[in-house]
Structure formats: structure tokens, C-alpha cells
Amino acid sequence: MSITKTDHIYININNLQNKPSSKRIQVVTDGCTLYFNCQHLMVQLGTEARCFFDYLCEQMNSDTNEVQIDARLKDNFIQHISRITSTKITPSVSSLNVYVSIFKRLGLIISAVNTQKEYYSVNPKYAYKGQKKKRLLLLKNMIEERIKSNGSLKGLIDKPERELGINNDGKK
């Protein structure tokens, strides 16, 4: 499990005795950008599924959005949610498997081309963890790679594949 990057801010307050005091507050500096064009997809996710998607975004590689959704990642997520909710919520592995299927169907995650089944990219059309210019290049490269390998462009483009001169299977 990766360690979240943090920084600190200092705030000036009056304490309970009304004396000026400076306090150090820790803030997370890691994050990703969630783009507005995915709200129609996010509204279809339940709370637990949305938490899992956010966790995938936390765990994905910067600049490539790649994430390995394997047993270890799922176990880490289950432990994390169980810990932060004081065991009030403990997702099951089978639920996480269903969420992965939902994310794939909605185009929120995309199977990595020519890799094992547990390797995915969080769709950079909807979320990205890196510099904005690199997002556009990644999206372009993913589309071109899938066209070359006759892969599906589902979720990557805003129009039917036929409008690009290819059919739904990615074939010209």
C-alpha cells in the first residue's frame, strides 16, 4: 500500500484560555483530477463502489493511471475501509469483484492492452493523476493503441466508433 504524501499548514487561533496560539495541521497533497464528464457514471455507483473507485484512483500510477487490481489490492482496501469505519463497513471480495465488472461496463476502468487480466487503467477521460498535458497525450496514445490492436474504444471517445471509420470491434 502506498504512503500518502502530506504537507502542513499553520493556523493562528485563540485557545480555550483565549490566548493566541499557532497549530500545525497536516493536509494530504496527493490527489487526482476527476473530470466533470463522468457524473452520469458516478451517480450509478453506490457508496461502497464509489469508495473503491476512489481507492483505485489513489493507488493508480501517476501519469499512466495504471493499477493492478489483484487480491492484495482488494485485501488492502477491505482492511483500510474496515479500519477507518471501525469495522462498521467491511466489503467482501465478491462485492469488489462486482464493482470491477461495473467499472469496466461503465468505462471507468479499461483493461490494459496485451497484459494479464488484473491490469487496468483508470480511464483518463474521467480521472487523471498527473499533469494535465500528459493526460491528453495518454488519452491519445490509448486510443491510437486500441485502434492499431483492433481493441474497443468504449469509454475513451465521445462518439460511436463508426464515426471514426471503424466498427465496434475496433476493426477498420
Protein backbone atom coordinates (compact mmCIF):
# COMPACT_ATOMS: atom_id res chain seq x y z
CA MET A 1 0.00 0.00 0.00
CA SER A 2 1.43 3.39 -0.94
CA ILE A 3 2.07 6.11 1.58
CA THR A 4 0.02 9.27 1.02
CA LYS A 5 2.08 12.44 0.63
CA THR A 6 1.31 15.16 3.12
CA ASP A 7 2.31 18.71 3.97
CA HIS A 8 1.46 21.01 6.84
CA ILE A 9 -0.22 24.36 7.28
CA TYR A 10 -0.07 26.52 10.35
CA ILE A 11 -3.12 28.30 11.68
CA ASN A 12 -3.35 31.00 14.28
CA ILE A 13 -6.17 30.60 16.78
CA ASN A 14 -7.14 31.65 20.24
CA ASN A 15 -7.04 28.63 22.55
CA LEU A 16 -9.61 27.81 25.22
CA GLN A 17 -7.99 30.34 27.56
CA ASN A 18 -8.37 32.94 24.75
CA LYS A 19 -4.61 33.16 24.27
CA PRO A 20 -3.12 33.32 20.78
CA SER A 21 -1.72 30.01 19.65
CA SER A 22 -0.28 28.53 16.45
CA LYS A 23 -1.29 24.98 15.48
CA ARG A 24 0.14 22.68 12.85
CA ILE A 25 -2.44 20.89 10.66
CA GLN A 26 -1.50 18.02 8.36
CA VAL A 27 -3.03 18.03 4.85
CA VAL A 28 -2.84 15.47 2.07
CA THR A 29 -1.06 16.70 -1.07
CA ASP A 30 -1.60 13.63 -3.28
CA GLY A 31 -4.65 13.55 -5.46
CA CYS A 32 -6.09 13.23 -8.89
CA THR A 33 -8.41 15.28 -11.02
CA LEU A 34 -11.93 13.98 -11.53
CA TYR A 35 -13.39 15.48 -14.69
CA PHE A 36 -16.97 16.72 -14.89
CA ASN A 37 -17.84 14.44 -17.80
CA CYS A 38 -18.25 11.40 -15.54
CA GLN A 39 -21.07 12.47 -13.23
CA HIS A 40 -23.57 10.42 -15.25
CA LEU A 41 -21.43 7.38 -14.40
CA MET A 42 -20.69 8.22 -10.76
CA VAL A 43 -24.38 8.57 -9.94
CA GLN A 44 -24.79 4.89 -10.86
CA LEU A 45 -22.35 3.78 -8.14
CA GLY A 46 -23.33 3.02 -4.58
CA THR A 47 -21.33 4.45 -1.69
CA GLU A 48 -19.10 1.41 -1.26
CA ALA A 49 -18.41 1.11 -5.01
CA ARG A 50 -17.57 4.81 -5.20
CA CYS A 51 -15.14 4.42 -2.30
CA PHE A 52 -13.48 1.54 -4.11
CA PHE A 53 -13.20 3.61 -7.31
CA ASP A 54 -11.64 6.46 -5.32
CA TYR A 55 -9.22 3.95 -3.78
CA LEU A 56 -8.23 2.76 -7.27
CA CYS A 57 -7.54 6.39 -8.16
CA GLU A 58 -5.36 6.71 -5.05
CA GLN A 59 -3.44 3.57 -5.94
CA MET A 60 -3.04 4.19 -9.67
CA ASN A 61 0.34 5.09 -11.10
CA SER A 62 0.89 8.80 -11.73
CA ASP A 63 0.91 9.74 -15.41
CA THR A 64 -0.19 6.27 -16.66
CA ASN A 65 -3.29 5.70 -14.49
CA GLU A 66 -2.35 2.00 -14.35
CA VAL A 67 -3.45 -0.08 -11.41
CA GLN A 68 -3.17 -3.78 -10.69
CA ILE A 69 -6.49 -4.92 -9.25
CA ASP A 70 -5.36 -8.14 -7.63
CA ALA A 71 -6.07 -9.99 -4.40
CA ARG A 72 -3.53 -7.89 -2.48
CA LEU A 73 -5.10 -4.57 -3.53
CA LYS A 74 -8.58 -5.84 -2.66
CA ASP A 75 -7.41 -7.09 0.73
CA ASN A 76 -5.69 -3.77 1.43
CA PHE A 77 -8.89 -1.91 0.54
CA ILE A 78 -11.00 -4.14 2.78
CA GLN A 79 -8.60 -3.62 5.69
CA HIS A 80 -8.44 0.13 5.06
CA ILE A 81 -12.22 0.63 4.98
CA SER A 82 -12.72 -1.66 7.95
CA ARG A 83 -10.13 0.33 9.92
CA ILE A 84 -11.42 3.81 9.05
CA THR A 85 -15.05 2.83 9.77
CA SER A 86 -14.21 0.97 12.99
CA THR A 87 -15.40 -2.26 11.29
CA LYS A 88 -18.86 -0.81 10.58
CA ILE A 89 -18.18 -1.39 6.88
CA THR A 90 -16.19 -4.39 5.72
CA PRO A 91 -16.62 -5.00 1.99
CA SER A 92 -16.35 -8.55 0.68
CA VAL A 93 -14.03 -9.67 -2.09
CA SER A 94 -17.06 -10.78 -4.10
CA SER A 95 -18.52 -7.24 -3.84
CA LEU A 96 -15.23 -5.78 -5.05
CA ASN A 97 -15.26 -8.20 -7.99
CA VAL A 98 -18.76 -6.99 -8.89
CA TYR A 99 -17.58 -3.37 -8.66
CA VAL A 100 -14.68 -4.10 -11.02
CA SER A 101 -17.20 -5.50 -13.52
CA ILE A 102 -19.38 -2.40 -13.12
CA PHE A 103 -16.38 -0.08 -13.58
CA LYS A 104 -15.43 -1.95 -16.77
CA ARG A 105 -19.00 -1.83 -18.11
CA LEU A 106 -19.24 1.91 -17.42
CA GLY A 107 -15.81 2.57 -18.93
CA LEU A 108 -14.37 3.93 -15.67
CA ILE A 109 -11.55 1.38 -15.93
CA ILE A 110 -10.13 -0.12 -19.08
CA SER A 111 -8.26 -3.39 -19.42
CA ALA A 112 -4.64 -2.77 -20.29
CA VAL A 113 -3.80 -3.92 -23.81
CA ASN A 114 -1.67 -7.10 -24.12
CA THR A 115 -1.39 -7.71 -20.36
CA GLN A 116 -2.78 -10.06 -17.74
CA LYS A 117 -6.42 -9.72 -16.76
CA GLU A 118 -5.80 -7.91 -13.47
CA TYR A 119 -4.04 -4.95 -15.09
CA TYR A 120 -6.20 -1.91 -15.78
CA SER A 121 -6.02 1.79 -16.40
CA VAL A 122 -8.41 4.14 -14.71
CA ASN A 123 -9.90 5.85 -17.75
CA PRO A 124 -8.04 9.17 -18.15
CA LYS A 125 -11.12 10.62 -19.83
CA TYR A 126 -12.70 10.66 -16.36
CA ALA A 127 -9.85 10.79 -13.81
CA TYR A 128 -6.14 11.50 -14.01
CA LYS A 129 -3.26 11.52 -11.56
CA GLY A 130 -0.60 13.62 -13.22
CA GLN A 131 0.00 16.75 -15.24
CA LYS A 132 -2.92 17.87 -17.40
CA LYS A 133 -0.88 18.00 -20.62
CA LYS A 134 0.25 14.41 -20.07
CA ARG A 135 -3.37 13.33 -19.66
CA LEU A 136 -4.20 14.39 -23.19
CA LEU A 137 -1.16 12.57 -24.55
CA LEU A 138 -2.06 9.42 -22.59
CA LEU A 139 -5.64 9.52 -23.87
CA LYS A 140 -4.42 10.00 -27.45
CA ASN A 141 -1.94 7.13 -27.12
CA MET A 142 -4.54 4.81 -25.58
CA ILE A 143 -6.98 5.49 -28.42
CA GLU A 144 -4.33 5.01 -31.12
CA GLU A 145 -3.02 1.83 -29.45
CA ARG A 146 -6.51 0.34 -29.35
CA ILE A 147 -7.17 1.24 -32.97
CA LYS A 148 -3.91 -0.46 -34.02
CA SER A 149 -4.71 -3.59 -31.98
CA ASN A 150 -8.38 -3.68 -33.07
CA GLY A 151 -9.45 -3.01 -29.49
CA SER A 152 -12.60 -1.32 -28.31
CA LEU A 153 -12.65 2.44 -27.79
CA LYS A 154 -15.61 2.19 -25.41
CA GLY A 155 -15.38 4.92 -22.82
CA LEU A 156 -12.42 6.63 -24.46
CA ILE A 157 -14.20 8.66 -27.14
CA ASP A 158 -17.32 10.80 -27.17
CA LYS A 159 -18.85 9.37 -30.36
CA PRO A 160 -19.60 5.99 -31.88
CA GLU A 161 -16.53 4.24 -33.27
CA ARG A 162 -18.24 4.12 -36.69
CA GLU A 163 -17.90 7.91 -36.90
CA LEU A 164 -14.12 7.37 -36.90
CA GLY A 165 -14.45 4.92 -39.77
CA ILE A 166 -14.12 1.75 -37.66
CA ASN A 167 -16.73 -0.64 -36.32
CA ASN A 168 -17.49 -1.55 -32.70
CA ASP A 169 -14.81 -4.24 -32.63
CA GLY A 170 -12.14 -1.68 -33.44
CA LYS A 171 -11.73 -3.02 -36.98
CA LYS A 172 -11.49 -0.68 -39.95
